[in-house]
Amino acid sequence: RLARANGWRLAVLGASAGLRWLAPLQNNDGSYGGSGGNAGATLDTLLANRALGGDAAAWKSATGSSLLDALRTRASAYAAQGAAAAGKLALGLAAADEDPHAFAGLNLVISMTASFDTATGAYGATNWDQAFAMLGMRASGEAVPSSAATLLKGRANADGGWGFVAPGDSDKGVDDFLARSFAEGSRALEAHARIGVVGFGEYRFENLTR
């Protein structure tokens, strides 16, 4: 337990240093992702900031624009990219104490549900779509259909991993995302970045439908 606690402290220190490095790279409009900025990189920064107890509305550029300001101008185009984007945006907004049902004129629950195939339980076309949509739905306070969790569980490869698409070779990046995002069940999904602690543990699919 002591070794785990020390490891966690080191991880937090490293993440804090990473955020300090990121701060001056923010674009004037509040975004991240190079000179033009993009919603995906801005959401990554928002989640990292919230994981350490930061305030997304207070993380501002030199000209006073926040991460949320940047997302407001990009939300519609980003969510339209598909289930994974809509789910990631919903997850980030929930972490920032915003309402995924009403942000920049969007209801992201509708956006995610529009990609859901009731016959198969699939959100979108890839495991990435499936995972982020399930995360986004839970973070929005919505139930995830049991068929969605069953489908994702059934897509696991013989080695216990997932590929970006199914069928597809297991990919460590995808595996890590699923393991970390779903660790400790749906309660941790909803708390992701909000409380700053996402445990590492068994992926309990049944919790996703509670």
Protein backbone atom coordinates (compact mmCIF):
# COMPACT_ATOMS: atom_id res chain seq x y z
CA ARG A 1 0.00 0.00 0.00
CA LEU A 2 2.82 2.40 0.78
CA ALA A 3 4.42 1.72 -2.61
CA ARG A 4 1.08 2.34 -4.33
CA ALA A 5 0.56 5.58 -2.40
CA ASN A 6 4.05 6.79 -3.29
CA GLY A 7 3.45 5.88 -6.92
CA TRP A 8 0.23 7.86 -6.91
CA ARG A 9 1.96 10.89 -5.41
CA LEU A 10 4.63 10.74 -8.08
CA ALA A 11 1.97 10.48 -10.77
CA VAL A 12 0.18 13.55 -9.42
CA LEU A 13 3.43 15.50 -9.25
CA GLY A 14 4.21 14.53 -12.83
CA ALA A 15 0.74 15.49 -14.02
CA SER A 16 0.97 18.83 -12.23
CA ALA A 17 4.27 19.54 -13.95
CA GLY A 18 2.68 18.62 -17.27
CA LEU A 19 -0.13 21.10 -16.74
CA ARG A 20 2.33 23.86 -15.89
CA TRP A 21 4.11 23.10 -19.15
CA LEU A 22 0.82 23.26 -21.06
CA ALA A 23 -0.39 26.56 -19.61
CA PRO A 24 1.59 28.95 -21.86
CA LEU A 25 0.73 26.91 -24.98
CA GLN A 26 -2.94 27.87 -24.83
CA ASN A 27 -4.21 29.77 -27.85
CA ASN A 28 -5.76 33.20 -27.43
CA ASP A 29 -9.26 31.79 -27.98
CA GLY A 30 -8.77 29.35 -25.11
CA SER A 31 -8.09 26.27 -27.24
CA TYR A 32 -5.24 23.80 -27.51
CA GLY A 33 -3.95 21.79 -30.44
CA GLY A 34 -1.57 23.99 -32.37
CA SER A 35 -2.08 27.47 -33.72
CA GLY A 36 -5.61 26.79 -34.98
CA GLY A 37 -6.71 24.77 -31.96
CA ASN A 38 -9.07 21.82 -31.92
CA ALA A 39 -11.76 20.51 -29.62
CA GLY A 40 -10.11 17.14 -28.98
CA ALA A 41 -6.88 18.59 -27.59
CA THR A 42 -8.83 21.20 -25.65
CA LEU A 43 -10.90 18.44 -24.03
CA ASP A 44 -7.75 16.51 -23.16
CA THR A 45 -6.43 19.56 -21.35
CA LEU A 46 -9.75 20.15 -19.62
CA LEU A 47 -9.89 16.57 -18.30
CA ALA A 48 -6.29 16.70 -17.11
CA ASN A 49 -6.94 20.01 -15.38
CA ARG A 50 -10.09 18.71 -13.68
CA ALA A 51 -8.37 15.48 -12.64
CA LEU A 52 -6.10 17.59 -10.48
CA GLY A 53 -8.95 19.63 -9.08
CA GLY A 54 -8.72 22.57 -11.47
CA ASP A 55 -11.51 24.81 -12.73
CA ALA A 56 -12.10 24.60 -16.49
CA ALA A 57 -13.74 28.01 -16.57
CA ALA A 58 -10.78 29.57 -14.77
CA TRP A 59 -8.10 28.05 -17.05
CA LYS A 60 -7.76 31.04 -19.33
CA SER A 61 -5.48 32.30 -22.05
CA ALA A 62 -3.52 35.54 -21.86
CA THR A 63 -6.49 37.28 -23.48
CA GLY A 64 -9.00 35.89 -21.00
CA SER A 65 -10.65 33.09 -23.02
CA SER A 66 -11.27 29.83 -21.18
CA LEU A 67 -11.25 26.18 -22.22
CA LEU A 68 -15.04 26.30 -22.18
CA ASP A 69 -15.07 29.38 -24.40
CA ALA A 70 -13.01 27.46 -26.93
CA LEU A 71 -15.35 24.47 -26.78
CA ARG A 72 -18.46 26.58 -27.28
CA THR A 73 -17.26 27.71 -30.69
CA ARG A 74 -16.22 24.20 -31.74
CA ALA A 75 -18.84 21.99 -30.11
CA SER A 76 -21.24 21.63 -33.00
CA ALA A 77 -18.66 20.69 -35.63
CA TYR A 78 -16.82 18.39 -33.22
CA ALA A 79 -19.90 16.48 -32.06
CA ALA A 80 -20.94 15.98 -35.68
CA GLN A 81 -17.79 13.92 -36.28
CA GLY A 82 -19.42 10.89 -34.68
CA ALA A 83 -20.22 8.96 -31.53
CA ALA A 84 -16.71 9.08 -30.06
CA ALA A 85 -16.48 12.86 -30.42
CA ALA A 86 -19.95 13.45 -29.00
CA GLY A 87 -19.20 11.12 -26.10
CA LYS A 88 -15.86 12.71 -25.33
CA LEU A 89 -17.42 16.16 -25.40
CA ALA A 90 -20.19 15.04 -23.04
CA LEU A 91 -17.63 13.51 -20.68
CA GLY A 92 -15.56 16.69 -20.65
CA LEU A 93 -18.54 18.95 -20.08
CA ALA A 94 -19.81 16.84 -17.20
CA ALA A 95 -16.36 16.93 -15.65
CA ALA A 96 -16.43 20.73 -15.94
CA ASP A 97 -19.86 20.88 -14.25
CA GLU A 98 -21.56 21.85 -17.48
CA ASP A 99 -24.75 20.20 -18.74
CA PRO A 100 -24.22 17.86 -21.74
CA HIS A 101 -27.96 18.14 -22.40
CA ALA A 102 -27.63 21.86 -23.11
CA PHE A 103 -24.31 23.29 -24.27
CA ALA A 104 -23.78 25.68 -27.17
CA GLY A 105 -27.23 24.81 -28.49
CA LEU A 106 -26.55 21.06 -28.41
CA ASN A 107 -28.08 18.14 -26.55
CA LEU A 108 -25.23 15.65 -26.69
CA VAL A 109 -27.39 12.84 -25.38
CA ILE A 110 -29.44 13.17 -28.56
CA SER A 111 -26.22 13.27 -30.58
CA MET A 112 -24.98 10.02 -29.01
CA THR A 113 -28.35 8.28 -29.15
CA ALA A 114 -28.65 9.11 -32.84
CA SER A 115 -25.65 6.87 -33.49
CA PHE A 116 -27.08 3.92 -31.52
CA ASP A 117 -28.24 0.80 -33.36
CA THR A 118 -30.93 -0.81 -31.25
CA ALA A 119 -30.63 -4.05 -33.20
CA THR A 120 -26.94 -4.58 -32.40
CA GLY A 121 -26.22 -2.42 -29.38
CA ALA A 122 -23.55 -0.49 -31.31
CA TYR A 123 -22.72 3.18 -30.98
CA GLY A 124 -21.06 4.23 -34.22
CA ALA A 125 -18.68 1.89 -36.02
CA THR A 126 -15.61 1.37 -33.82
CA ASN A 127 -14.72 0.32 -30.30
CA TRP A 128 -13.60 3.91 -29.75
CA ASP A 129 -17.11 5.09 -30.68
CA GLN A 130 -18.62 2.48 -28.37
CA ALA A 131 -16.44 3.31 -25.38
CA PHE A 132 -16.68 7.09 -25.58
CA ALA A 133 -20.43 7.04 -26.20
CA MET A 134 -20.96 4.79 -23.17
CA LEU A 135 -18.77 7.06 -21.08
CA GLY A 136 -20.56 10.14 -22.33
CA MET A 137 -24.00 8.70 -21.64
CA ARG A 138 -23.10 7.74 -18.08
CA ALA A 139 -21.40 11.08 -17.43
CA SER A 140 -24.60 12.77 -18.64
CA GLY A 141 -26.61 10.84 -16.08
CA GLU A 142 -28.21 8.59 -18.68
CA ALA A 143 -28.56 4.82 -18.63
CA VAL A 144 -26.41 2.78 -21.00
CA PRO A 145 -28.39 0.05 -22.76
CA SER A 146 -27.35 -3.40 -21.57
CA SER A 147 -26.91 -4.43 -25.19
CA ALA A 148 -24.15 -1.83 -25.59
CA ALA A 149 -22.12 -3.24 -22.71
CA THR A 150 -22.76 -6.81 -23.88
CA LEU A 151 -21.55 -5.94 -27.37
CA LEU A 152 -18.35 -4.31 -26.16
CA LYS A 153 -17.61 -7.22 -23.85
CA GLY A 154 -18.17 -9.64 -26.73
CA ARG A 155 -15.77 -7.72 -28.95
CA ALA A 156 -12.81 -8.47 -26.67
CA ASN A 157 -10.13 -10.58 -28.32
CA ALA A 158 -8.92 -13.91 -26.98
CA ASP A 159 -6.02 -12.12 -25.26
CA GLY A 160 -8.48 -9.97 -23.33
CA GLY A 161 -7.75 -6.81 -25.31
CA TRP A 162 -9.54 -4.73 -27.90
CA GLY A 163 -8.61 -3.23 -31.21
CA PHE A 164 -9.66 0.18 -32.43
CA VAL A 165 -12.10 -1.65 -34.70
CA ALA A 166 -13.73 -5.04 -34.32
CA PRO A 167 -12.49 -7.43 -35.42
CA GLY A 168 -8.97 -6.11 -35.07
CA ASP A 169 -5.71 -6.85 -33.32
CA SER A 170 -5.50 -5.75 -29.71
CA ASP A 171 -3.95 -2.33 -29.30
CA LYS A 172 -2.37 -1.25 -26.02
CA GLY A 173 -3.61 2.30 -26.40
CA VAL A 174 -7.20 1.10 -26.78
CA ASP A 175 -6.78 -1.40 -23.94
CA ASP A 176 -5.41 1.28 -21.61
CA PHE A 177 -8.24 3.63 -22.47
CA LEU A 178 -10.87 1.01 -21.73
CA ALA A 179 -9.18 -0.20 -18.56
CA ARG A 180 -8.67 3.29 -17.14
CA SER A 181 -11.94 4.79 -18.27
CA PHE A 182 -14.06 1.90 -17.02
CA ALA A 183 -12.04 1.03 -13.92
CA GLU A 184 -14.13 0.64 -10.79
CA GLY A 185 -17.34 0.56 -12.76
CA SER A 186 -19.77 3.27 -13.76
CA ARG A 187 -19.45 5.23 -10.52
CA ALA A 188 -15.86 6.07 -11.43
CA LEU A 189 -16.95 7.04 -14.94
CA GLU A 190 -19.24 9.69 -13.57
CA ALA A 191 -16.55 10.88 -11.15
CA HIS A 192 -13.85 10.92 -13.83
CA ALA A 193 -11.96 14.20 -13.41
CA ARG A 194 -14.72 15.56 -11.17
CA ILE A 195 -13.11 14.15 -8.02
CA GLY A 196 -9.64 13.72 -9.45
CA VAL A 197 -9.38 9.98 -8.82
CA VAL A 198 -9.97 7.24 -11.35
CA GLY A 199 -9.03 3.88 -9.87
CA PHE A 200 -7.23 1.12 -11.67
CA GLY A 201 -9.07 -2.15 -11.33
CA GLU A 202 -11.30 -4.73 -12.92
CA TYR A 203 -13.59 -3.62 -15.72
CA ARG A 204 -17.03 -4.55 -14.45
CA PHE A 205 -19.28 -4.40 -17.50
CA GLU A 206 -22.43 -5.04 -15.51
CA ASN A 207 -22.01 -1.73 -13.67
CA LEU A 208 -22.33 0.20 -16.91
CA THR A 209 -26.04 -0.57 -17.10
CA ARG A 210 -26.99 0.45 -13.55
